[in-house]
Structures are given as C-alpha cells and as structure tokens.
Amino acid sequence: MSNIELPKILEKRETKLSKWLTVVERDFVSTGKKNIETYYSVRPYDYISILAVTNDQRIPLVKQYRHPLETISLELPAGLMDLNKSPEETALIELREETGVVAPFAELLGVLNPDPGRLENRIFCYFASNAVVDTTSKIENGIELVWTDWNELYQMIRDGRFTCGLQIALIAMASLKGYIGELKK
C-alpha cells in the first residue's frame, strides 16, 4: 500500500496550440495545504520509433535538420502517431517514407513515457527484422539515409554522434530482449 496522497484536482483546462500539441493546466490543492497551485503539462501526439535491421545486419538511420536543436541529427526512423493507423502500421510507414526500407512486420518492444513530469504522450518502440530496400520508394525531402551496423551504432552512441535519448532507450530495450547479439569492443 502506498503512502503517497494524491492532490485534489479542482479544475483542468486545455489549450490546443495546433493539431499536434495541447497545453494542459491543472489547478490543485495538495494534501494538508490550503493554497491552490497550477501545474502545466504538454500533450503532443504519441511518438513511434523503429529499429530495423536487414538480413546482412545493416541498420538504416536518418540524418535530418532539427529546428529545436538548430543542427543536423542522426536518428532512427520515427514520427508522430497517425490517428487513423495502428502504432505498428505507423512505424512501418515511417520506416518506408524516411529510409525507403520495408519490413514484413514490426514487433512492439514496449511503450515508454518520454517525460512523465511534463509530457502526457507515449513512445511506441518497435523492432523490425528482415528489412529490405524498396527500390520504388522515394525518401522524404530533407532526409538523408545513413547505413550502419551494430558496432558502429554503439560507437555513435558512445562518441555522441547519436544522441536521441528515447531512441537510445529503444536500442537498449532491443538489446535486453535479445535482438542484438554480442558486440565487439
């Protein structure tokens, strides 16, 4: 039994800033206190990300400009959830659109909370084996496909070329679940 007492929420307001982003305000009173406080959180769409690997153990990454960072970022294929599709369908679509790579299916590794103190969304983490290049696919504008392998991907994480924390967590989940074999040091 938990000894954590929940605050009493008095009012909740939502301000939709775009079709992808809502700011949520909660007026609350903590147990044993009289003052009303307001807590703010942000509700973006849920995320998906996919770690794909070909039969010859190549991994497609995407290189693209990221406005919040004001620089080029190296990442796994990812995107916002398509509300008209399942998370798996969305992951496979993002894989194809961003890399020109297709896979017969994607296995859900887990669903994570990106930042439970501020964000109300989730990230659906997928792994796809038996991925192949679809020569008829066109990669989205502004994205460059980069091929790597397991050892180089780990080196990119170690030396700071690959820095997306949520995707590093996805890679760790794939490793913990046995999808990534022994690596050379």
C-alpha atoms as a PDB file:
ATOM      1  CA  MET A   1       0.000   0.000   0.000  1.00  0.00           C
ATOM      2  CA  SER A   2       1.370   3.408  -0.987  1.00  0.00           C
ATOM      3  CA  ASN A   3       1.713   6.266   1.476  1.00  0.00           C
ATOM      4  CA  ILE A   4       1.580   8.849  -1.332  1.00  0.00           C
ATOM      5  CA  GLU A   5      -1.508  11.010  -1.104  1.00  0.00           C
ATOM      6  CA  LEU A   6      -2.865  12.340  -4.359  1.00  0.00           C
ATOM      7  CA  PRO A   7      -3.580  16.057  -4.771  1.00  0.00           C
ATOM      8  CA  LYS A   8      -7.175  17.163  -5.257  1.00  0.00           C
ATOM      9  CA  ILE A   9      -7.631  18.468  -8.790  1.00  0.00           C
ATOM     10  CA  LEU A  10     -10.049  21.394  -8.749  1.00  0.00           C
ATOM     11  CA  GLU A  11     -10.096  22.366 -12.399  1.00  0.00           C
ATOM     12  CA  LYS A  12      -8.476  21.250 -15.641  1.00  0.00           C
ATOM     13  CA  ARG A  13      -8.124  23.456 -18.735  1.00  0.00           C
ATOM     14  CA  GLU A  14      -6.780  22.520 -22.153  1.00  0.00           C
ATOM     15  CA  THR A  15      -5.435  24.922 -24.778  1.00  0.00           C
ATOM     16  CA  LYS A  16      -4.964  23.401 -28.207  1.00  0.00           C
ATOM     17  CA  LEU A  17      -1.996  25.123 -29.884  1.00  0.00           C
ATOM     18  CA  SER A  18      -2.059  23.009 -33.039  1.00  0.00           C
ATOM     19  CA  LYS A  19      -3.493  19.709 -34.179  1.00  0.00           C
ATOM     20  CA  TRP A  20      -0.389  18.066 -32.683  1.00  0.00           C
ATOM     21  CA  LEU A  21       0.022  19.957 -29.412  1.00  0.00           C
ATOM     22  CA  THR A  22      -2.152  20.795 -26.383  1.00  0.00           C
ATOM     23  CA  VAL A  23      -1.133  22.594 -23.167  1.00  0.00           C
ATOM     24  CA  VAL A  24      -2.919  21.299 -20.054  1.00  0.00           C
ATOM     25  CA  GLU A  25      -3.357  23.355 -16.854  1.00  0.00           C
ATOM     26  CA  ARG A  26      -4.464  21.704 -13.607  1.00  0.00           C
ATOM     27  CA  ASP A  27      -5.462  23.719 -10.552  1.00  0.00           C
ATOM     28  CA  PHE A  28      -4.938  21.548  -7.486  1.00  0.00           C
ATOM     29  CA  VAL A  29      -4.558  21.508  -3.721  1.00  0.00           C
ATOM     30  CA  SER A  30      -2.002  19.209  -2.131  1.00  0.00           C
ATOM     31  CA  THR A  31      -2.979  17.164   0.904  1.00  0.00           C
ATOM     32  CA  GLY A  32      -2.651  19.208   4.082  1.00  0.00           C
ATOM     33  CA  LYS A  33      -2.319  22.519   2.233  1.00  0.00           C
ATOM     34  CA  LYS A  34      -4.779  25.306   1.515  1.00  0.00           C
ATOM     35  CA  ASN A  35      -3.125  27.139  -1.359  1.00  0.00           C
ATOM     36  CA  ILE A  36      -4.284  26.416  -4.889  1.00  0.00           C
ATOM     37  CA  GLU A  37      -1.418  25.695  -7.266  1.00  0.00           C
ATOM     38  CA  THR A  38      -1.394  25.300 -11.028  1.00  0.00           C
ATOM     39  CA  TYR A  39       0.567  22.584 -12.809  1.00  0.00           C
ATOM     40  CA  TYR A  40       1.265  22.730 -16.547  1.00  0.00           C
ATOM     41  CA  SER A  41       1.909  19.806 -18.841  1.00  0.00           C
ATOM     42  CA  VAL A  42       2.097  19.358 -22.591  1.00  0.00           C
ATOM     43  CA  ARG A  43       0.236  16.765 -24.640  1.00  0.00           C
ATOM     44  CA  PRO A  44       1.830  16.144 -28.033  1.00  0.00           C
ATOM     45  CA  TYR A  45       0.705  13.237 -30.200  1.00  0.00           C
ATOM     46  CA  ASP A  46       2.182   9.884 -29.278  1.00  0.00           C
ATOM     47  CA  TYR A  47       5.517   9.040 -30.927  1.00  0.00           C
ATOM     48  CA  ILE A  48       6.654   5.921 -32.721  1.00  0.00           C
ATOM     49  CA  SER A  49      10.200   4.854 -33.496  1.00  0.00           C
ATOM     50  CA  ILE A  50      11.529   1.766 -35.237  1.00  0.00           C
ATOM     51  CA  LEU A  51      14.869  -0.019 -35.184  1.00  0.00           C
ATOM     52  CA  ALA A  52      15.107  -2.060 -38.393  1.00  0.00           C
ATOM     53  CA  VAL A  53      17.804  -4.468 -39.498  1.00  0.00           C
ATOM     54  CA  THR A  54      18.424  -6.188 -42.821  1.00  0.00           C
ATOM     55  CA  ASN A  55      19.394  -9.838 -43.184  1.00  0.00           C
ATOM     56  CA  ASP A  56      23.019  -8.745 -43.634  1.00  0.00           C
ATOM     57  CA  GLN A  57      22.824  -6.820 -40.321  1.00  0.00           C
ATOM     58  CA  ARG A  58      22.664  -3.273 -41.738  1.00  0.00           C
ATOM     59  CA  ILE A  59      20.638  -0.663 -39.860  1.00  0.00           C
ATOM     60  CA  PRO A  60      19.033   2.332 -41.607  1.00  0.00           C
ATOM     61  CA  LEU A  61      19.354   5.687 -39.853  1.00  0.00           C
ATOM     62  CA  VAL A  62      18.046   9.089 -40.886  1.00  0.00           C
ATOM     63  CA  LYS A  63      20.056  12.297 -40.922  1.00  0.00           C
ATOM     64  CA  GLN A  64      17.958  15.473 -40.844  1.00  0.00           C
ATOM     65  CA  TYR A  65      17.875  19.053 -39.625  1.00  0.00           C
ATOM     66  CA  ARG A  66      16.069  19.516 -36.288  1.00  0.00           C
ATOM     67  CA  HIS A  67      14.751  23.007 -35.529  1.00  0.00           C
ATOM     68  CA  PRO A  68      14.807  22.673 -31.697  1.00  0.00           C
ATOM     69  CA  LEU A  69      18.497  21.704 -31.841  1.00  0.00           C
ATOM     70  CA  GLU A  70      19.352  24.052 -34.747  1.00  0.00           C
ATOM     71  CA  THR A  71      21.581  21.338 -36.173  1.00  0.00           C
ATOM     72  CA  ILE A  72      21.639  18.055 -38.070  1.00  0.00           C
ATOM     73  CA  SER A  73      20.599  14.989 -36.066  1.00  0.00           C
ATOM     74  CA  LEU A  74      21.206  11.286 -36.657  1.00  0.00           C
ATOM     75  CA  GLU A  75      18.224   9.152 -35.602  1.00  0.00           C
ATOM     76  CA  LEU A  76      16.202   6.014 -36.095  1.00  0.00           C
ATOM     77  CA  PRO A  77      13.140   6.363 -38.330  1.00  0.00           C
ATOM     78  CA  ALA A  78      10.389   7.924 -36.217  1.00  0.00           C
ATOM     79  CA  GLY A  79       7.385  10.171 -36.238  1.00  0.00           C
ATOM     80  CA  LEU A  80       4.092  11.182 -34.711  1.00  0.00           C
ATOM     81  CA  MET A  81       1.293   8.671 -34.397  1.00  0.00           C
ATOM     82  CA  ASP A  82      -1.142   8.585 -37.299  1.00  0.00           C
ATOM     83  CA  LEU A  83      -4.536   8.578 -35.577  1.00  0.00           C
ATOM     84  CA  ASN A  84      -6.056   6.638 -38.493  1.00  0.00           C
ATOM     85  CA  LYS A  85      -3.500   3.809 -38.255  1.00  0.00           C
ATOM     86  CA  SER A  86      -2.254   1.401 -35.603  1.00  0.00           C
ATOM     87  CA  PRO A  87       1.111   2.138 -33.969  1.00  0.00           C
ATOM     88  CA  GLU A  88       2.697  -0.766 -35.895  1.00  0.00           C
ATOM     89  CA  GLU A  89       1.312   0.474 -39.224  1.00  0.00           C
ATOM     90  CA  THR A  90       2.576   3.980 -38.447  1.00  0.00           C
ATOM     91  CA  ALA A  91       6.052   2.616 -37.601  1.00  0.00           C
ATOM     92  CA  LEU A  92       6.271   0.662 -40.858  1.00  0.00           C
ATOM     93  CA  ILE A  93       5.069   3.689 -42.856  1.00  0.00           C
ATOM     94  CA  GLU A  94       7.693   5.948 -41.210  1.00  0.00           C
ATOM     95  CA  LEU A  95      10.376   3.338 -41.950  1.00  0.00           C
ATOM     96  CA  ARG A  96       9.438   3.300 -45.642  1.00  0.00           C
ATOM     97  CA  GLU A  97       8.943   7.081 -46.004  1.00  0.00           C
ATOM     98  CA  GLU A  98      12.160   8.063 -44.222  1.00  0.00           C
ATOM     99  CA  THR A  99      14.523   5.331 -45.455  1.00  0.00           C
ATOM    100  CA  GLY A 100      12.970   3.531 -48.412  1.00  0.00           C
ATOM    101  CA  VAL A 101      13.193   0.343 -46.353  1.00  0.00           C
ATOM    102  CA  VAL A 102      10.282  -2.049 -45.819  1.00  0.00           C
ATOM    103  CA  ALA A 103       9.725  -4.917 -43.394  1.00  0.00           C
ATOM    104  CA  PRO A 104       7.030  -7.593 -43.266  1.00  0.00           C
ATOM    105  CA  PHE A 105       6.076  -6.663 -39.678  1.00  0.00           C
ATOM    106  CA  ALA A 106       7.318  -4.758 -36.646  1.00  0.00           C
ATOM    107  CA  GLU A 107       7.444  -6.191 -33.144  1.00  0.00           C
ATOM    108  CA  LEU A 108       6.479  -3.936 -30.247  1.00  0.00           C
ATOM    109  CA  LEU A 109       9.357  -3.803 -27.756  1.00  0.00           C
ATOM    110  CA  GLY A 110       7.469  -1.605 -25.306  1.00  0.00           C
ATOM    111  CA  VAL A 111       5.703   1.688 -24.696  1.00  0.00           C
ATOM    112  CA  LEU A 112       7.636   4.370 -22.796  1.00  0.00           C
ATOM    113  CA  ASN A 113       6.736   7.698 -21.197  1.00  0.00           C
ATOM    114  CA  PRO A 114       9.144  10.261 -22.716  1.00  0.00           C
ATOM    115  CA  ASP A 115       8.991  12.700 -19.764  1.00  0.00           C
ATOM    116  CA  PRO A 116       6.294  11.842 -17.173  1.00  0.00           C
ATOM    117  CA  GLY A 117       6.882  15.110 -15.315  1.00  0.00           C
ATOM    118  CA  ARG A 118       5.980  17.316 -18.281  1.00  0.00           C
ATOM    119  CA  LEU A 119       4.707  15.324 -21.271  1.00  0.00           C
ATOM    120  CA  GLU A 120       1.472  13.341 -21.487  1.00  0.00           C
ATOM    121  CA  ASN A 121       2.371  11.314 -24.556  1.00  0.00           C
ATOM    122  CA  ARG A 122       3.995   7.921 -25.103  1.00  0.00           C
ATOM    123  CA  ILE A 123       6.566   6.459 -27.485  1.00  0.00           C
ATOM    124  CA  PHE A 124       5.848   3.109 -29.087  1.00  0.00           C
ATOM    125  CA  CYS A 125       9.167   1.318 -29.661  1.00  0.00           C
ATOM    126  CA  TYR A 126       9.399  -1.212 -32.493  1.00  0.00           C
ATOM    127  CA  PHE A 127      11.934  -3.659 -33.887  1.00  0.00           C
ATOM    128  CA  ALA A 128      11.780  -4.971 -37.463  1.00  0.00           C
ATOM    129  CA  SER A 129      13.987  -7.748 -38.786  1.00  0.00           C
ATOM    130  CA  ASN A 130      14.213  -8.957 -42.378  1.00  0.00           C
ATOM    131  CA  ALA A 131      14.050  -5.368 -43.629  1.00  0.00           C
ATOM    132  CA  VAL A 132      14.788  -4.796 -47.314  1.00  0.00           C
ATOM    133  CA  VAL A 133      15.297  -1.774 -49.549  1.00  0.00           C
ATOM    134  CA  ASP A 134      12.246  -0.971 -51.669  1.00  0.00           C
ATOM    135  CA  THR A 135      13.737   0.449 -54.856  1.00  0.00           C
ATOM    136  CA  THR A 136      10.382   2.036 -55.767  1.00  0.00           C
ATOM    137  CA  SER A 137      10.189   4.116 -52.543  1.00  0.00           C
ATOM    138  CA  LYS A 138      11.180   7.766 -52.502  1.00  0.00           C
ATOM    139  CA  ILE A 139      12.748   9.075 -49.288  1.00  0.00           C
ATOM    140  CA  GLU A 140      11.144  12.212 -47.815  1.00  0.00           C
ATOM    141  CA  ASN A 141      12.741  15.541 -48.744  1.00  0.00           C
ATOM    142  CA  GLY A 142      15.219  16.836 -46.186  1.00  0.00           C
ATOM    143  CA  ILE A 143      16.238  13.343 -45.031  1.00  0.00           C
ATOM    144  CA  GLU A 144      19.464  11.539 -45.849  1.00  0.00           C
ATOM    145  CA  LEU A 145      19.656   7.758 -45.414  1.00  0.00           C
ATOM    146  CA  VAL A 146      22.712   6.544 -43.476  1.00  0.00           C
ATOM    147  CA  TRP A 147      23.547   2.839 -43.222  1.00  0.00           C
ATOM    148  CA  THR A 148      25.331   1.466 -40.174  1.00  0.00           C
ATOM    149  CA  ASP A 149      25.844  -1.806 -38.302  1.00  0.00           C
ATOM    150  CA  TRP A 150      25.523  -2.749 -34.636  1.00  0.00           C
ATOM    151  CA  ASN A 151      29.116  -1.988 -33.668  1.00  0.00           C
ATOM    152  CA  GLU A 152      29.165   1.382 -35.416  1.00  0.00           C
ATOM    153  CA  LEU A 153      25.760   2.300 -33.928  1.00  0.00           C
ATOM    154  CA  TYR A 154      27.091   1.622 -30.446  1.00  0.00           C
ATOM    155  CA  GLN A 155      30.199   3.675 -31.248  1.00  0.00           C
ATOM    156  CA  MET A 156      27.957   6.542 -32.448  1.00  0.00           C
ATOM    157  CA  ILE A 157      26.147   6.450 -29.098  1.00  0.00           C
ATOM    158  CA  ARG A 158      29.421   6.365 -27.157  1.00  0.00           C
ATOM    159  CA  ASP A 159      31.047   9.237 -29.061  1.00  0.00           C
ATOM    160  CA  GLY A 160      27.967  11.480 -29.181  1.00  0.00           C
ATOM    161  CA  ARG A 161      27.053  11.283 -32.875  1.00  0.00           C
ATOM    162  CA  PHE A 162      23.752   9.571 -31.974  1.00  0.00           C
ATOM    163  CA  THR A 163      22.107  11.426 -29.073  1.00  0.00           C
ATOM    164  CA  CYS A 164      18.330  10.870 -29.122  1.00  0.00           C
ATOM    165  CA  GLY A 165      17.682   9.592 -25.605  1.00  0.00           C
ATOM    166  CA  LEU A 166      14.338   7.977 -26.402  1.00  0.00           C
ATOM    167  CA  GLN A 167      15.863   6.056 -29.284  1.00  0.00           C
ATOM    168  CA  ILE A 168      18.856   5.010 -27.194  1.00  0.00           C
ATOM    169  CA  ALA A 169      16.281   3.587 -24.759  1.00  0.00           C
ATOM    170  CA  LEU A 170      14.677   1.709 -27.684  1.00  0.00           C
ATOM    171  CA  ILE A 171      18.084   0.270 -28.645  1.00  0.00           C
ATOM    172  CA  ALA A 172      18.645  -0.758 -25.010  1.00  0.00           C
ATOM    173  CA  MET A 173      15.233  -2.485 -24.981  1.00  0.00           C
ATOM    174  CA  ALA A 174      16.151  -4.382 -28.170  1.00  0.00           C
ATOM    175  CA  SER A 175      19.414  -5.458 -26.538  1.00  0.00           C
ATOM    176  CA  LEU A 176      17.714  -6.513 -23.284  1.00  0.00           C
ATOM    177  CA  LYS A 177      15.191  -8.579 -25.250  1.00  0.00           C
ATOM    178  CA  GLY A 178      17.962 -10.369 -27.181  1.00  0.00           C
ATOM    179  CA  TYR A 179      17.556  -8.803 -30.632  1.00  0.00           C
ATOM    180  CA  ILE A 180      21.126  -7.506 -30.611  1.00  0.00           C
ATOM    181  CA  GLY A 181      23.909 -10.077 -30.383  1.00  0.00           C
ATOM    182  CA  GLU A 182      27.405  -9.849 -28.994  1.00  0.00           C
ATOM    183  CA  LEU A 183      29.217  -6.641 -29.913  1.00  0.00           C
ATOM    184  CA  LYS A 184      32.905  -6.081 -30.499  1.00  0.00           C
ATOM    185  CA  LYS A 185      34.506  -3.622 -28.107  1.00  0.00           C
END
